[in-house]
Amino acid sequence: MAIISINKLKLSTIIGTKKEERIKPQQIIFDISFNCNSEKAGKTDDLKYAVDYNALSKRIINKLSKTKFFLLEKLAQETLDIVLEDKLIKEAKVTIYKPKALANADSVSITLTRKQK
């Protein structure tokens, strides 16, 4: 089993409950890791047996940059839904950071983990 990580993926989206947060997109940062069986990909050196993390990151950016969620919890659930669309992925973990969410902190974050159904 392999663990693959996408670190500090950035996108801008509408997120938050305050009036000013509903107007202008904010940069959100994602750490995504997932477990997958990489044995066949490792033996064949063929992308069709691997998780295409470039395509995955593009799907995440394309879908989530258009959202207008109020809560980080919803954004994290939607991110896991996108990641787990790839049936090669057995389990995924996402941490989402919202910079400048609090005046006296670098960011607020949420981490969710889910297994493939």
PDB file of N, CA and C in Angstrom:
ATOM      1  N   MET A   1       0.854  -1.179   0.000  1.00  0.00           N
ATOM      2  CA  MET A   1       0.000   0.000   0.000  1.00  0.00           C
ATOM      3  C   MET A   1       0.897   1.237   0.000  1.00  0.00           C
ATOM      4  N   ALA A   2       0.568   2.203  -0.821  1.00  0.00           N
ATOM      5  CA  ALA A   2       1.316   3.456  -0.903  1.00  0.00           C
ATOM      6  C   ALA A   2       0.498   4.583  -0.286  1.00  0.00           C
ATOM      7  N   ILE A   3       1.191   5.554   0.237  1.00  0.00           N
ATOM      8  CA  ILE A   3       0.569   6.787   0.688  1.00  0.00           C
ATOM      9  C   ILE A   3       1.116   7.895  -0.195  1.00  0.00           C
ATOM     10  N   ILE A   4       0.218   8.565  -0.890  1.00  0.00           N
ATOM     11  CA  ILE A   4       0.585   9.679  -1.766  1.00  0.00           C
ATOM     12  C   ILE A   4       0.011  10.953  -1.154  1.00  0.00           C
ATOM     13  N   SER A   5       0.797  12.022  -1.187  1.00  0.00           N
ATOM     14  CA  SER A   5       0.365  13.289  -0.598  1.00  0.00           C
ATOM     15  C   SER A   5       0.475  14.421  -1.608  1.00  0.00           C
ATOM     16  N   ILE A   6      -0.526  15.267  -1.595  1.00  0.00           N
ATOM     17  CA  ILE A   6      -0.506  16.538  -2.321  1.00  0.00           C
ATOM     18  C   ILE A   6      -0.461  17.599  -1.231  1.00  0.00           C
ATOM     19  N   ASN A   7       0.626  18.360  -1.188  1.00  0.00           N
ATOM     20  CA  ASN A   7       0.847  19.300  -0.095  1.00  0.00           C
ATOM     21  C   ASN A   7       0.695  20.746  -0.534  1.00  0.00           C
ATOM     22  N   LYS A   8      -0.032  21.491   0.268  1.00  0.00           N
ATOM     23  CA  LYS A   8      -0.198  22.940   0.087  1.00  0.00           C
ATOM     24  C   LYS A   8      -0.803  23.305  -1.269  1.00  0.00           C
ATOM     25  N   LEU A   9      -1.806  22.546  -1.699  1.00  0.00           N
ATOM     26  CA  LEU A   9      -2.565  22.877  -2.901  1.00  0.00           C
ATOM     27  C   LEU A   9      -3.397  24.122  -2.592  1.00  0.00           C
ATOM     28  N   LYS A  10      -3.315  25.108  -3.458  1.00  0.00           N
ATOM     29  CA  LYS A  10      -3.995  26.384  -3.201  1.00  0.00           C
ATOM     30  C   LYS A  10      -5.092  26.630  -4.224  1.00  0.00           C
ATOM     31  N   LEU A  11      -6.196  27.182  -3.736  1.00  0.00           N
ATOM     32  CA  LEU A  11      -7.253  27.650  -4.622  1.00  0.00           C
ATOM     33  C   LEU A  11      -8.009  28.760  -3.920  1.00  0.00           C
ATOM     34  N   SER A  12      -8.711  29.552  -4.703  1.00  0.00           N
ATOM     35  CA  SER A  12      -9.522  30.629  -4.151  1.00  0.00           C
ATOM     36  C   SER A  12     -10.991  30.299  -4.336  1.00  0.00           C
ATOM     37  N   THR A  13     -11.759  30.515  -3.285  1.00  0.00           N
ATOM     38  CA  THR A  13     -13.187  30.230  -3.317  1.00  0.00           C
ATOM     39  C   THR A  13     -13.901  31.096  -2.282  1.00  0.00           C
ATOM     40  N   ILE A  14     -15.215  31.164  -2.409  1.00  0.00           N
ATOM     41  CA  ILE A  14     -16.037  31.835  -1.398  1.00  0.00           C
ATOM     42  C   ILE A  14     -16.235  30.836  -0.260  1.00  0.00           C
ATOM     43  N   ILE A  15     -15.836  31.244   0.942  1.00  0.00           N
ATOM     44  CA  ILE A  15     -16.005  30.378   2.121  1.00  0.00           C
ATOM     45  C   ILE A  15     -16.139  31.271   3.352  1.00  0.00           C
ATOM     46  N   GLY A  16     -17.140  30.979   4.161  1.00  0.00           N
ATOM     47  CA  GLY A  16     -17.293  31.714   5.410  1.00  0.00           C
ATOM     48  C   GLY A  16     -18.725  32.172   5.639  1.00  0.00           C
ATOM     49  N   THR A  17     -18.964  32.597   6.860  1.00  0.00           N
ATOM     50  CA  THR A  17     -20.307  33.002   7.263  1.00  0.00           C
ATOM     51  C   THR A  17     -20.464  34.517   7.384  1.00  0.00           C
ATOM     52  N   LYS A  18     -19.343  35.221   7.420  1.00  0.00           N
ATOM     53  CA  LYS A  18     -19.419  36.683   7.553  1.00  0.00           C
ATOM     54  C   LYS A  18     -19.766  37.316   6.212  1.00  0.00           C
ATOM     55  N   LYS A  19     -20.461  38.436   6.278  1.00  0.00           N
ATOM     56  CA  LYS A  19     -20.910  39.137   5.062  1.00  0.00           C
ATOM     57  C   LYS A  19     -19.740  39.415   4.115  1.00  0.00           C
ATOM     58  N   GLU A  20     -18.630  39.905   4.653  1.00  0.00           N
ATOM     59  CA  GLU A  20     -17.467  40.233   3.817  1.00  0.00           C
ATOM     60  C   GLU A  20     -16.825  38.997   3.180  1.00  0.00           C
ATOM     61  N   GLU A  21     -17.002  37.836   3.801  1.00  0.00           N
ATOM     62  CA  GLU A  21     -16.456  36.590   3.240  1.00  0.00           C
ATOM     63  C   GLU A  21     -17.283  36.080   2.061  1.00  0.00           C
ATOM     64  N   ARG A  22     -18.493  36.561   1.936  1.00  0.00           N
ATOM     65  CA  ARG A  22     -19.398  36.101   0.882  1.00  0.00           C
ATOM     66  C   ARG A  22     -19.217  36.878  -0.422  1.00  0.00           C
ATOM     67  N   ILE A  23     -18.366  37.909  -0.389  1.00  0.00           N
ATOM     68  CA  ILE A  23     -18.192  38.790  -1.548  1.00  0.00           C
ATOM     69  C   ILE A  23     -16.970  38.418  -2.390  1.00  0.00           C
ATOM     70  N   LYS A  24     -15.839  38.262  -1.718  1.00  0.00           N
ATOM     71  CA  LYS A  24     -14.564  38.082  -2.414  1.00  0.00           C
ATOM     72  C   LYS A  24     -13.979  36.699  -2.102  1.00  0.00           C
ATOM     73  N   PRO A  25     -13.538  35.956  -3.123  1.00  0.00           N
ATOM     74  CA  PRO A  25     -12.911  34.652  -2.860  1.00  0.00           C
ATOM     75  C   PRO A  25     -11.666  34.801  -1.981  1.00  0.00           C
ATOM     76  N   GLN A  26     -11.455  33.785  -1.152  1.00  0.00           N
ATOM     77  CA  GLN A  26     -10.289  33.716  -0.276  1.00  0.00           C
ATOM     78  C   GLN A  26      -9.419  32.550  -0.691  1.00  0.00           C
ATOM     79  N   GLN A  27      -8.117  32.682  -0.459  1.00  0.00           N
ATOM     80  CA  GLN A  27      -7.232  31.553  -0.728  1.00  0.00           C
ATOM     81  C   GLN A  27      -7.367  30.527   0.400  1.00  0.00           C
ATOM     82  N   ILE A  28      -7.562  29.291   0.008  1.00  0.00           N
ATOM     83  CA  ILE A  28      -7.653  28.157   0.927  1.00  0.00           C
ATOM     84  C   ILE A  28      -6.523  27.197   0.554  1.00  0.00           C
ATOM     85  N   ILE A  29      -5.950  26.537   1.551  1.00  0.00           N
ATOM     86  CA  ILE A  29      -4.816  25.643   1.331  1.00  0.00           C
ATOM     87  C   ILE A  29      -5.212  24.230   1.754  1.00  0.00           C
ATOM     88  N   PHE A  30      -4.862  23.253   0.914  1.00  0.00           N
ATOM     89  CA  PHE A  30      -5.233  21.862   1.134  1.00  0.00           C
ATOM     90  C   PHE A  30      -3.991  20.986   1.254  1.00  0.00           C
ATOM     91  N   ASP A  31      -4.003  20.096   2.238  1.00  0.00           N
ATOM     92  CA  ASP A  31      -3.077  18.960   2.295  1.00  0.00           C
ATOM     93  C   ASP A  31      -3.945  17.726   2.120  1.00  0.00           C
ATOM     94  N   ILE A  32      -3.620  16.926   1.117  1.00  0.00           N
ATOM     95  CA  ILE A  32      -4.418  15.744   0.799  1.00  0.00           C
ATOM     96  C   ILE A  32      -3.493  14.544   0.748  1.00  0.00           C
ATOM     97  N   SER A  33      -3.857  13.492   1.445  1.00  0.00           N
ATOM     98  CA  SER A  33      -3.089  12.248   1.340  1.00  0.00           C
ATOM     99  C   SER A  33      -4.063  11.104   1.162  1.00  0.00           C
ATOM    100  N   PHE A  34      -3.591  10.082   0.467  1.00  0.00           N
ATOM    101  CA  PHE A  34      -4.465   8.935   0.227  1.00  0.00           C
ATOM    102  C   PHE A  34      -3.655   7.657   0.111  1.00  0.00           C
ATOM    103  N   ASN A  35      -4.318   6.563   0.467  1.00  0.00           N
ATOM    104  CA  ASN A  35      -3.737   5.223   0.372  1.00  0.00           C
ATOM    105  C   ASN A  35      -4.233   4.565  -0.903  1.00  0.00           C
ATOM    106  N   CYS A  36      -3.323   3.936  -1.599  1.00  0.00           N
ATOM    107  CA  CYS A  36      -3.706   3.193  -2.800  1.00  0.00           C
ATOM    108  C   CYS A  36      -2.727   2.054  -3.005  1.00  0.00           C
ATOM    109  N   ASN A  37      -3.163   1.067  -3.753  1.00  0.00           N
ATOM    110  CA  ASN A  37      -2.294  -0.041  -4.098  1.00  0.00           C
ATOM    111  C   ASN A  37      -1.467   0.384  -5.310  1.00  0.00           C
ATOM    112  N   SER A  38      -0.173   0.513  -5.124  1.00  0.00           N
ATOM    113  CA  SER A  38       0.703   0.984  -6.194  1.00  0.00           C
ATOM    114  C   SER A  38       1.540  -0.137  -6.809  1.00  0.00           C
ATOM    115  N   GLU A  39       1.263  -1.372  -6.420  1.00  0.00           N
ATOM    116  CA  GLU A  39       2.101  -2.485  -6.867  1.00  0.00           C
ATOM    117  C   GLU A  39       2.126  -2.629  -8.386  1.00  0.00           C
ATOM    118  N   LYS A  40       0.956  -2.632  -9.021  1.00  0.00           N
ATOM    119  CA  LYS A  40       0.902  -2.804 -10.479  1.00  0.00           C
ATOM    120  C   LYS A  40       1.536  -1.614 -11.198  1.00  0.00           C
ATOM    121  N   ALA A  41       1.291  -0.416 -10.702  1.00  0.00           N
ATOM    122  CA  ALA A  41       1.911   0.776 -11.297  1.00  0.00           C
ATOM    123  C   ALA A  41       3.433   0.703 -11.168  1.00  0.00           C
ATOM    124  N   GLY A  42       3.894   0.258 -10.021  1.00  0.00           N
ATOM    125  CA  GLY A  42       5.331   0.130  -9.791  1.00  0.00           C
ATOM    126  C   GLY A  42       5.991  -0.914 -10.680  1.00  0.00           C
ATOM    127  N   LYS A  43       5.280  -1.989 -10.953  1.00  0.00           N
ATOM    128  CA  LYS A  43       5.827  -3.050 -11.803  1.00  0.00           C
ATOM    129  C   LYS A  43       5.791  -2.687 -13.283  1.00  0.00           C
ATOM    130  N   THR A  44       4.731  -1.987 -13.699  1.00  0.00           N
ATOM    131  CA  THR A  44       4.548  -1.718 -15.133  1.00  0.00           C
ATOM    132  C   THR A  44       5.031  -0.335 -15.560  1.00  0.00           C
ATOM    133  N   ASP A  45       5.185   0.588 -14.610  1.00  0.00           N
ATOM    134  CA  ASP A  45       5.546   1.971 -14.912  1.00  0.00           C
ATOM    135  C   ASP A  45       4.524   2.608 -15.854  1.00  0.00           C
ATOM    136  N   ASP A  46       3.231   2.251 -15.637  1.00  0.00           N
ATOM    137  CA  ASP A  46       2.141   2.695 -16.514  1.00  0.00           C
ATOM    138  C   ASP A  46       1.131   3.497 -15.688  1.00  0.00           C
ATOM    139  N   LEU A  47       0.869   4.725 -16.120  1.00  0.00           N
ATOM    140  CA  LEU A  47      -0.037   5.623 -15.390  1.00  0.00           C
ATOM    141  C   LEU A  47      -1.454   5.075 -15.262  1.00  0.00           C
ATOM    142  N   LYS A  48      -1.877   4.217 -16.188  1.00  0.00           N
ATOM    143  CA  LYS A  48      -3.245   3.705 -16.102  1.00  0.00           C
ATOM    144  C   LYS A  48      -3.475   2.842 -14.854  1.00  0.00           C
ATOM    145  N   TYR A  49      -2.407   2.421 -14.202  1.00  0.00           N
ATOM    146  CA  TYR A  49      -2.522   1.634 -12.971  1.00  0.00           C
ATOM    147  C   TYR A  49      -2.221   2.469 -11.724  1.00  0.00           C
ATOM    148  N   ALA A  50      -2.100   3.766 -11.905  1.00  0.00           N
ATOM    149  CA  ALA A  50      -1.756   4.660 -10.794  1.00  0.00           C
ATOM    150  C   ALA A  50      -2.816   5.745 -10.647  1.00  0.00           C
ATOM    151  N   VAL A  51      -2.807   6.391  -9.511  1.00  0.00           N
ATOM    152  CA  VAL A  51      -3.648   7.557  -9.310  1.00  0.00           C
ATOM    153  C   VAL A  51      -2.940   8.740  -9.977  1.00  0.00           C
ATOM    154  N   ASP A  52      -3.617   9.371 -10.895  1.00  0.00           N
ATOM    155  CA  ASP A  52      -3.059  10.531 -11.597  1.00  0.00           C
ATOM    156  C   ASP A  52      -3.270  11.748 -10.708  1.00  0.00           C
ATOM    157  N   TYR A  53      -2.283  12.064  -9.890  1.00  0.00           N
ATOM    158  CA  TYR A  53      -2.439  13.152  -8.925  1.00  0.00           C
ATOM    159  C   TYR A  53      -2.499  14.517  -9.595  1.00  0.00           C
ATOM    160  N   ASN A  54      -1.953  14.646 -10.794  1.00  0.00           N
ATOM    161  CA  ASN A  54      -2.089  15.900 -11.536  1.00  0.00           C
ATOM    162  C   ASN A  54      -3.560  16.113 -11.932  1.00  0.00           C
ATOM    163  N   ALA A  55      -4.175  15.089 -12.488  1.00  0.00           N
ATOM    164  CA  ALA A  55      -5.592  15.175 -12.872  1.00  0.00           C
ATOM    165  C   ALA A  55      -6.472  15.376 -11.636  1.00  0.00           C
ATOM    166  N   LEU A  56      -6.135  14.699 -10.550  1.00  0.00           N
ATOM    167  CA  LEU A  56      -6.904  14.834  -9.307  1.00  0.00           C
ATOM    168  C   LEU A  56      -6.844  16.277  -8.791  1.00  0.00           C
ATOM    169  N   SER A  57      -5.665  16.865  -8.761  1.00  0.00           N
ATOM    170  CA  SER A  57      -5.553  18.239  -8.261  1.00  0.00           C
ATOM    171  C   SER A  57      -6.314  19.211  -9.163  1.00  0.00           C
ATOM    172  N   LYS A  58      -6.296  18.995 -10.462  1.00  0.00           N
ATOM    173  CA  LYS A  58      -7.061  19.852 -11.383  1.00  0.00           C
ATOM    174  C   LYS A  58      -8.565  19.719 -11.146  1.00  0.00           C
ATOM    175  N   ARG A  59      -9.056  18.481 -10.897  1.00  0.00           N
ATOM    176  CA  ARG A  59     -10.481  18.290 -10.600  1.00  0.00           C
ATOM    177  C   ARG A  59     -10.870  19.035  -9.323  1.00  0.00           C
ATOM    178  N   ILE A  60     -10.036  18.941  -8.316  1.00  0.00           N
ATOM    179  CA  ILE A  60     -10.313  19.620  -7.046  1.00  0.00           C
ATOM    180  C   ILE A  60     -10.388  21.130  -7.267  1.00  0.00           C
ATOM    181  N   ILE A  61      -9.406  21.678  -7.943  1.00  0.00           N
ATOM    182  CA  ILE A  61      -9.383  23.125  -8.190  1.00  0.00           C
ATOM    183  C   ILE A  61     -10.576  23.548  -9.031  1.00  0.00           C
ATOM    184  N   ASN A  62     -10.848  22.828 -10.110  1.00  0.00           N
ATOM    185  CA  ASN A  62     -11.953  23.198 -11.005  1.00  0.00           C
ATOM    186  C   ASN A  62     -13.306  23.157 -10.306  1.00  0.00           C
ATOM    187  N   LYS A  63     -13.538  22.128  -9.501  1.00  0.00           N
ATOM    188  CA  LYS A  63     -14.836  22.002  -8.833  1.00  0.00           C
ATOM    189  C   LYS A  63     -14.974  22.929  -7.637  1.00  0.00           C
ATOM    190  N   LEU A  64     -13.952  23.011  -6.814  1.00  0.00           N
ATOM    191  CA  LEU A  64     -14.095  23.726  -5.544  1.00  0.00           C
ATOM    192  C   LEU A  64     -13.891  25.227  -5.667  1.00  0.00           C
ATOM    193  N   SER A  65     -13.234  25.681  -6.708  1.00  0.00           N
ATOM    194  CA  SER A  65     -13.073  27.128  -6.859  1.00  0.00           C
ATOM    195  C   SER A  65     -14.396  27.795  -7.240  1.00  0.00           C
ATOM    196  N   LYS A  66     -15.378  26.999  -7.648  1.00  0.00           N
ATOM    197  CA  LYS A  66     -16.693  27.526  -8.038  1.00  0.00           C
ATOM    198  C   LYS A  66     -17.725  27.454  -6.910  1.00  0.00           C
ATOM    199  N   THR A  67     -17.342  26.903  -5.766  1.00  0.00           N
ATOM    200  CA  THR A  67     -18.300  26.720  -4.680  1.00  0.00           C
ATOM    201  C   THR A  67     -18.450  27.989  -3.846  1.00  0.00           C
ATOM    202  N   LYS A  68     -19.510  28.008  -3.063  1.00  0.00           N
ATOM    203  CA  LYS A  68     -19.782  29.137  -2.155  1.00  0.00           C
ATOM    204  C   LYS A  68     -20.295  28.590  -0.827  1.00  0.00           C
ATOM    205  N   PHE A  69     -19.476  27.768  -0.181  1.00  0.00           N
ATOM    206  CA  PHE A  69     -19.877  27.148   1.072  1.00  0.00           C
ATOM    207  C   PHE A  69     -19.708  28.120   2.239  1.00  0.00           C
ATOM    208  N   PHE A  70     -20.462  27.869   3.279  1.00  0.00           N
ATOM    209  CA  PHE A  70     -20.346  28.642   4.507  1.00  0.00           C
ATOM    210  C   PHE A  70     -19.294  28.033   5.439  1.00  0.00           C
ATOM    211  N   LEU A  71     -19.205  26.707   5.469  1.00  0.00           N
ATOM    212  CA  LEU A  71     -18.392  26.020   6.470  1.00  0.00           C
ATOM    213  C   LEU A  71     -17.223  25.245   5.873  1.00  0.00           C
ATOM    214  N   LEU A  72     -16.109  25.223   6.612  1.00  0.00           N
ATOM    215  CA  LEU A  72     -14.963  24.389   6.230  1.00  0.00           C
ATOM    216  C   LEU A  72     -15.333  22.914   6.241  1.00  0.00           C
ATOM    217  N   GLU A  73     -16.250  22.543   7.135  1.00  0.00           N
ATOM    218  CA  GLU A  73     -16.682  21.144   7.211  1.00  0.00           C
ATOM    219  C   GLU A  73     -17.281  20.684   5.879  1.00  0.00           C
ATOM    220  N   LYS A  74     -18.077  21.523   5.266  1.00  0.00           N
ATOM    221  CA  LYS A  74     -18.686  21.199   3.971  1.00  0.00           C
ATOM    222  C   LYS A  74     -17.617  21.125   2.878  1.00  0.00           C
ATOM    223  N   LEU A  75     -16.698  22.069   2.883  1.00  0.00           N
ATOM    224  CA  LEU A  75     -15.619  22.065   1.898  1.00  0.00           C
ATOM    225  C   LEU A  75     -14.767  20.807   2.032  1.00  0.00           C
ATOM    226  N   ALA A  76     -14.497  20.381   3.246  1.00  0.00           N
ATOM    227  CA  ALA A  76     -13.708  19.166   3.475  1.00  0.00           C
ATOM    228  C   ALA A  76     -14.458  17.922   2.996  1.00  0.00           C
ATOM    229  N   GLN A  77     -15.758  17.847   3.271  1.00  0.00           N
ATOM    230  CA  GLN A  77     -16.563  16.702   2.798  1.00  0.00           C
ATOM    231  C   GLN A  77     -16.564  16.630   1.273  1.00  0.00           C
ATOM    232  N   GLU A  78     -16.754  17.767   0.628  1.00  0.00           N
ATOM    233  CA  GLU A  78     -16.774  17.808  -0.837  1.00  0.00           C
ATOM    234  C   GLU A  78     -15.419  17.408  -1.413  1.00  0.00           C
ATOM    235  N   THR A  79     -14.342  17.820  -0.754  1.00  0.00           N
ATOM    236  CA  THR A  79     -12.994  17.447  -1.205  1.00  0.00           C
ATOM    237  C   THR A  79     -12.819  15.937  -1.139  1.00  0.00           C
ATOM    238  N   LEU A  80     -13.223  15.344  -0.029  1.00  0.00           N
ATOM    239  CA  LEU A  80     -13.127  13.877   0.087  1.00  0.00           C
ATOM    240  C   LEU A  80     -13.972  13.180  -0.975  1.00  0.00           C
ATOM    241  N   ASP A  81     -15.145  13.711  -1.277  1.00  0.00           N
ATOM    242  CA  ASP A  81     -15.980  13.123  -2.332  1.00  0.00           C
ATOM    243  C   ASP A  81     -15.227  13.091  -3.662  1.00  0.00           C
ATOM    244  N   ILE A  82     -14.557  14.183  -4.001  1.00  0.00           N
ATOM    245  CA  ILE A  82     -13.811  14.257  -5.252  1.00  0.00           C
ATOM    246  C   ILE A  82     -12.647  13.265  -5.246  1.00  0.00           C
ATOM    247  N   VAL A  83     -11.902  13.224  -4.159  1.00  0.00           N
ATOM    248  CA  VAL A  83     -10.749  12.328  -4.067  1.00  0.00           C
ATOM    249  C   VAL A  83     -11.183  10.872  -4.193  1.00  0.00           C
ATOM    250  N   LEU A  84     -12.266  10.513  -3.512  1.00  0.00           N
ATOM    251  CA  LEU A  84     -12.701   9.115  -3.490  1.00  0.00           C
ATOM    252  C   LEU A  84     -13.486   8.703  -4.735  1.00  0.00           C
ATOM    253  N   GLU A  85     -13.655   9.612  -5.701  1.00  0.00           N
ATOM    254  CA  GLU A  85     -14.209   9.215  -7.000  1.00  0.00           C
ATOM    255  C   GLU A  85     -13.272   8.242  -7.698  1.00  0.00           C
ATOM    256  N   ASP A  86     -11.981   8.344  -7.407  1.00  0.00           N
ATOM    257  CA  ASP A  86     -10.987   7.432  -7.979  1.00  0.00           C
ATOM    258  C   ASP A  86     -11.019   6.130  -7.179  1.00  0.00           C
ATOM    259  N   LYS A  87     -11.459   5.075  -7.803  1.00  0.00           N
ATOM    260  CA  LYS A  87     -11.640   3.788  -7.109  1.00  0.00           C
ATOM    261  C   LYS A  87     -10.325   3.120  -6.727  1.00  0.00           C
ATOM    262  N   LEU A  88      -9.189   3.600  -7.248  1.00  0.00           N
ATOM    263  CA  LEU A  88      -7.890   3.079  -6.815  1.00  0.00           C
ATOM    264  C   LEU A  88      -7.545   3.562  -5.408  1.00  0.00           C
ATOM    265  N   ILE A  89      -8.184   4.646  -4.974  1.00  0.00           N
ATOM    266  CA  ILE A  89      -7.915   5.211  -3.658  1.00  0.00           C
ATOM    267  C   ILE A  89      -8.779   4.492  -2.623  1.00  0.00           C
ATOM    268  N   LYS A  90      -8.126   3.923  -1.617  1.00  0.00           N
ATOM    269  CA  LYS A  90      -8.823   3.143  -0.592  1.00  0.00           C
ATOM    270  C   LYS A  90      -9.228   3.982   0.615  1.00  0.00           C
ATOM    271  N   GLU A  91      -8.426   4.975   0.936  1.00  0.00           N
ATOM    272  CA  GLU A  91      -8.701   5.842   2.076  1.00  0.00           C
ATOM    273  C   GLU A  91      -8.044   7.186   1.806  1.00  0.00           C
ATOM    274  N   ALA A  92      -8.668   8.267   2.264  1.00  0.00           N
ATOM    275  CA  ALA A  92      -8.123   9.600   2.033  1.00  0.00           C
ATOM    276  C   ALA A  92      -8.254  10.456   3.280  1.00  0.00           C
ATOM    277  N   LYS A  93      -7.326  11.391   3.392  1.00  0.00           N
ATOM    278  CA  LYS A  93      -7.338  12.367   4.486  1.00  0.00           C
ATOM    279  C   LYS A  93      -7.127  13.740   3.872  1.00  0.00           C
ATOM    280  N   VAL A  94      -7.916  14.694   4.296  1.00  0.00           N
ATOM    281  CA  VAL A  94      -7.771  16.065   3.813  1.00  0.00           C
ATOM    282  C   VAL A  94      -7.706  17.011   5.011  1.00  0.00           C
ATOM    283  N   THR A  95      -6.748  17.920   4.949  1.00  0.00           N
ATOM    284  CA  THR A  95      -6.668  19.017   5.910  1.00  0.00           C
ATOM    285  C   THR A  95      -6.798  20.304   5.113  1.00  0.00           C
ATOM    286  N   ILE A  96      -7.709  21.146   5.535  1.00  0.00           N
ATOM    287  CA  ILE A  96      -7.944  22.420   4.866  1.00  0.00           C
ATOM    288  C   ILE A  96      -7.601  23.550   5.830  1.00  0.00           C
ATOM    289  N   TYR A  97      -6.807  24.488   5.339  1.00  0.00           N
ATOM    290  CA  TYR A  97      -6.386  25.645   6.117  1.00  0.00           C
ATOM    291  C   TYR A  97      -7.057  26.893   5.558  1.00  0.00           C
ATOM    292  N   LYS A  98      -7.614  27.683   6.460  1.00  0.00           N
ATOM    293  CA  LYS A  98      -8.204  28.969   6.081  1.00  0.00           C
ATOM    294  C   LYS A  98      -7.355  30.068   6.725  1.00  0.00           C
ATOM    295  N   PRO A  99      -6.408  30.605   5.951  1.00  0.00           N
ATOM    296  CA  PRO A  99      -5.555  31.668   6.500  1.00  0.00           C
ATOM    297  C   PRO A  99      -6.378  32.900   6.876  1.00  0.00           C
ATOM    298  N   LYS A 100      -5.914  33.585   7.879  1.00  0.00           N
ATOM    299  CA  LYS A 100      -6.517  34.851   8.321  1.00  0.00           C
ATOM    300  C   LYS A 100      -7.959  34.698   8.806  1.00  0.00           C
ATOM    301  N   ALA A 101      -8.349  33.494   9.192  1.00  0.00           N
ATOM    302  CA  ALA A 101      -9.702  33.298   9.720  1.00  0.00           C
ATOM    303  C   ALA A 101      -9.855  33.926  11.106  1.00  0.00           C
ATOM    304  N   LEU A 102      -8.755  33.970  11.833  1.00  0.00           N
ATOM    305  CA  LEU A 102      -8.733  34.600  13.157  1.00  0.00           C
ATOM    306  C   LEU A 102      -7.634  35.645  13.194  1.00  0.00           C
ATOM    307  N   ALA A 103      -7.886  36.731  13.875  1.00  0.00           N
ATOM    308  CA  ALA A 103      -6.927  37.838  13.917  1.00  0.00           C
ATOM    309  C   ALA A 103      -5.592  37.440  14.544  1.00  0.00           C
ATOM    310  N   ASN A 104      -5.606  36.558  15.521  1.00  0.00           N
ATOM    311  CA  ASN A 104      -4.385  36.224  16.251  1.00  0.00           C
ATOM    312  C   ASN A 104      -3.841  34.834  15.936  1.00  0.00           C
ATOM    313  N   ALA A 105      -4.183  34.302  14.766  1.00  0.00           N
ATOM    314  CA  ALA A 105      -3.697  32.967  14.373  1.00  0.00           C
ATOM    315  C   ALA A 105      -3.339  32.974  12.894  1.00  0.00           C
ATOM    316  N   ASP A 106      -2.398  32.125  12.528  1.00  0.00           N
ATOM    317  CA  ASP A 106      -2.023  32.009  11.112  1.00  0.00           C
ATOM    318  C   ASP A 106      -3.178  31.475  10.276  1.00  0.00           C
ATOM    319  N   SER A 107      -3.901  30.508  10.838  1.00  0.00           N
ATOM    320  CA  SER A 107      -5.018  29.906  10.103  1.00  0.00           C
ATOM    321  C   SER A 107      -5.882  29.094  11.051  1.00  0.00           C
ATOM    322  N   VAL A 108      -7.025  28.682  10.525  1.00  0.00           N
ATOM    323  CA  VAL A 108      -7.884  27.687  11.160  1.00  0.00           C
ATOM    324  C   VAL A 108      -7.888  26.506  10.206  1.00  0.00           C
ATOM    325  N   SER A 109      -7.903  25.290  10.742  1.00  0.00           N
ATOM    326  CA  SER A 109      -7.902  24.125   9.854  1.00  0.00           C
ATOM    327  C   SER A 109      -8.884  23.071  10.337  1.00  0.00           C
ATOM    328  N   ILE A 110      -9.223  22.193   9.404  1.00  0.00           N
ATOM    329  CA  ILE A 110     -10.047  21.024   9.695  1.00  0.00           C
ATOM    330  C   ILE A 110      -9.404  19.836   8.990  1.00  0.00           C
ATOM    331  N   THR A 111      -9.446  18.678   9.634  1.00  0.00           N
ATOM    332  CA  THR A 111      -8.943  17.441   9.039  1.00  0.00           C
ATOM    333  C   THR A 111     -10.042  16.407   9.078  1.00  0.00           C
ATOM    334  N   LEU A 112     -10.312  15.793   7.930  1.00  0.00           N
ATOM    335  CA  LEU A 112     -11.266  14.702   7.827  1.00  0.00           C
ATOM    336  C   LEU A 112     -10.602  13.515   7.136  1.00  0.00           C
ATOM    337  N   THR A 113     -11.013  12.315   7.541  1.00  0.00           N
ATOM    338  CA  THR A 113     -10.529  11.075   6.931  1.00  0.00           C
ATOM    339  C   THR A 113     -11.730  10.223   6.579  1.00  0.00           C
ATOM    340  N   ARG A 114     -11.668   9.557   5.434  1.00  0.00           N
ATOM    341  CA  ARG A 114     -12.754   8.658   5.038  1.00  0.00           C
ATOM    342  C   ARG A 114     -12.196   7.501   4.212  1.00  0.00           C
ATOM    343  N   LYS A 115     -12.821   6.341   4.368  1.00  0.00           N
ATOM    344  CA  LYS A 115     -12.469   5.158   3.581  1.00  0.00           C
ATOM    345  C   LYS A 115     -13.429   5.028   2.393  1.00  0.00           C
ATOM    346  N   GLN A 116     -12.949   4.359   1.371  1.00  0.00           N
ATOM    347  CA  GLN A 116     -13.776   4.053   0.197  1.00  0.00           C
ATOM    348  C   GLN A 116     -14.941   3.185   0.635  1.00  0.00           C
ATOM    349  N   LYS A 117     -16.119   3.452   0.096  1.00  0.00           N
ATOM    350  CA  LYS A 117     -17.313   2.658   0.468  1.00  0.00           C
ATOM    351  C   LYS A 117     -17.308   1.331  -0.235  1.00  0.00           C
TER     352      LYS A 117
END
